[in-house]
Each structure stands twice: as C-alpha cells, then as structure tokens.
Amino acid sequence: MKTLYLRIYLTVLAVLAAFALVGGGLAKLKLDEERERFDQERSRYEQNASDRTLAWAELIQAVLPPDEAPEVEQAAALVSWSERLRLPMALDRADGVRVVTTPLFERLDALRQRAELPPREDRGPVRLSLRDGRSLWIWRPPRPLREALGLPGGGPREGPPGADRPAGYGPGGGPGFGPPPPPRLFGGLPLLDGRGLLIALGLLFVAIAAGAYPVVRRLTRRLEALKAGVEAFGAGQLRRRVEAQGRDEVAALGQSFNEAADRIEGLIDAHRSLLANASHELRSPLARLKMALALAEEAGPERAASLREEARRNIAELDALVEEVLLASRLDARPEPQREPLDPLALATEMAAETDAVLDDSAWDLVPAGTEAPLRGDERLLRRALRNLLENARRYGGSAPPELGLGREAGAIRFWVADRGPGVPAAERERIFEPFYRLPGHAERAGGVGLGLSLVRQIARLHGGSVVCEAREGGGSRFVLRLPLAG
C-alpha cells in the first residue's frame, strides 16, 4: 500500500514539477520581453531627460535677469518661475555663492540633511550650468514626498484628461527625473528577476505539495484500512467489516466488500449448520439400518423380510436426506435459475394429480386461452417447491387431502396449499422455514428431516418471490407461495 501511496504522491509532485517548468519557461520569456521593453523605455527616458535639461537651461537663461542685475531681481524672477513650473529651484552665482533658494527647495534640502529621505528615493537636485557661468539647481522630489509637500506634480501642467503624455513623464503628471514605471509581468504582477522567479515557483511548488499530501494520505489511509479488513476477513475473522463513509469510489468499494462479507458469512454459517444438522439426522437411519442388518442374520424368513423392508425404508430416507442436503447447498450459492415460460394452471393441475390433492376450481380462468404464459422460472425447482408444500400438508394435515389453488394479484402469481391439521402457532410460523427445524413433538411422529419448507423458501427467493404460513379459517394451515409475473 505504501507503494501505491508513494506512486500517487510522486505523480502529483511530477505534475506540479512539469507545471512549474512550463510556467517558469513561459514566465521567463515574458520576463525577457518585458525587460527589453523596459530597457528601451529607460533609454528613451534618459534621452528625453537630457533634452529637457538642456531646454530648461535655455528657458531659465532667457527669462532670468543677467548676472549684473541686482540679486533681489534675480531672486524674484526665479521664485516666480519656480511657482509657475512647480519645481523647487536654487540659483548660484558664477563664484558659487547662493543667490536664492525657493522655500520648497529648502524643505527638501532639510529633509535630506536629516537623512529622512529613503535612499532609493533620494536622487538629489540636478545642476544646470547657464552660459553666463551661473548654476541653476532643480530638484524633482519623488512622488511620496511630492504628496507630503502638497506638490501634485512637477513641470508644466497636464493636458486634458485622457490626453497622451510624452515618454518619460512620471506618474505625477509632468516630466520627471525618476525612471519610468517598473515593468509588470502579464500586465499585473511586478516583474521578478530570474532568481526571484525561481524562488516564487519553488514556494508555489512547496505550497501545493504540502496541500496535496493530506489529500493523498487520506485516500491511501482509507485503502490501507480496506486492505487490512480484507486480510483479516481472509484470515478467518468473518465478522470483520470496514468503515464505508462518504460517497466516493473508495466508500462504494468498502460498502461492496461489507455486503459480500455478509453474504459469505451467511453462506458459511448456513453450511456449518447444514453439515451439523445433516450429521445429526444421518445417525437415526444409519443406526436403524445397522440394527436391521445385524438382526437379519439370525431372524427367520418372515422376520428377515420385515427387516429388509425396514432397511429399504431407511435407505430411501437416507437418499432423500442426501438429495435435500445437496439441493440446499446448491441453492445457498444463489445460482441463476433457468427462466422458461410456464403455465401456472398446467403446473398446478399436474402437481395436484401427482399428489392426490384437491384443486381449487376458481383457478380455471387465470390464464385465458391464447395468451402468453405469465410465469417464467425453473420448472424443476418450482415443481419441487409445490411438491414439498403438498407433502408437508399431507404429513401434518390429518386424513383430509391437501388443497392446492392459485390466483393472480398485483404483479404476482399466488399458489396456496391448505390443510386441516392442527395448524402452526403464530410464534412458530417463521421458524418452520429454518433448515432442520420441526415443531416440538413432530420430529419422530411425523417423519421428515425439516428441510422441505426451507427449500421452498430458498426456491421462492431465487425466483424473486416469497412464501409465508398463515392460519386457515376453520382450522389448519395455509402456505402461500408468491412468484412475480413474467416481464
């Protein structure tokens, strides 16, 4: 069983590994494609950023007062353009002395001095050299700081909603100095490098493998329990059953095993009982036969003839007992009976004639002439069942001949055999169909071995029918044999 468990679990892992390899290969192709596109965007961005830097330098050079102008005039012009462009800026003279610093530039510089800017977000200001030797400093803060400082975005205002923006414009709405947005895998997941992708696939593989383990283990554990139950049953524990919970195939298999085990246990118990009772029933005729043979050696001619007749009766009793035991053993195996069309009226008429029984006149119109026979079954077994019922009625029914009748009811043919004997007590009407069971006081007086009615019930069940014992109005017993209609 562990081999099966390992095969199932390793199959699951192999499928997961194949999925991971295929998925990893596809992701690697997509990763390379996205990285190539990202590199192209970055190159385009860097070129655009360089062009913008030169354009801003020319713009500020054109609008700023010359370096000979008063510093107050230069400062006012720079602050005005800083507000219009929404960019933190500062201006140095040619000798490096600071002329003016805008308030936002000062706040950013203070944050940088206190090391409050994240290292990945701290790109610092950009220095633009003007033609007259002055230096212009422009600082485009990262997006988190722009939002914290109340700057919706640096650079010129955005165009109409939905308008295309030039390559290199950052998420804030204007030309930025930061790189373009990072590439994303399949349009949603952030792009991972080769090692990160392998780690992610490995974690996914481990997670699915861990989730599949209890499922596979539970399945194989139930199979192991079923295997243990089958082995115990095969070792002789006939009452061993397996737990059959759920609605899947394993539960159905367990239920089938339990049903088969019940059937086998019933057959073995029946055979044990049959063997024990047959052995007991064989003792009496064998003992009488042995005694008759011993007495015949010293008896006179008349006595010897009587002993020989008794020996023949004992042999006939033994023959009948062996025949019934063999038939009961065969019927215990529940063979499929031969299904041949039968005429119930003809069958009842023949059996009544053979046993000198009285046939009920109400049966003559059961099967109209020219119609198909409504009964299908094994004629030999059905004759045996009716004969056993009639012989039982003759044996226990007193001097009056038994009565045989038949009728038709919903979905079934009904045969009945009635007698005027002492009847069967209500508590014993089910037990008399058990093998070798006879009513108290009837074992030796009436003869028989107690298998006749048991065989009738076996034959009835083999044909999908039933047999019951009822009290007859006016005294006596009435046995009703029901068999399903053909079709």
Foldseek 3Di string as FASTA:
>chain_A
DVVVLVVVLVVVLVVLVVVLVVVLVVLVVLLVVLVVVQVVLQVVLVVVVVVVLVVVLVVLLVQADDPVDDLVSRQVSVQVVCVQQVWWKWKADLVGHTSYGHPVRVVVVVCVVVVVDPPVQPPAWDWRAHPNRMIMTTDFGDPVVCVVVVHLGGGHAADDPPDDDDRQAEPSRHRDPDRHDAGAGPVDHGRDDPVVSVVVSVVVSVVVSVVVSVVSVVVVVLVVQVVVQVVVCVVPPLPGAGDQDDDDPSSVVSVVVVVVSVLVVVLVVLLVVLVVLLVVVLVVLVVLLVVLVVVLVPDDPVSVVVSVVSNVVSVVVNVVSVVLSVLVNVLSVLDQWAWDADAVVVLQVVLCVVLVAAEDPVAPVADDPPDGRFGIGHSVLVSLLVNLLQLVQVLFQPPDHKYWYWHDDVQKIKIKIWGAGQADDPVCFVVLLRAQDDDPPCPPVRDDRSSSSVSNQSRLVSQVWGKTWDADPPHTIMIMTIGGTDD
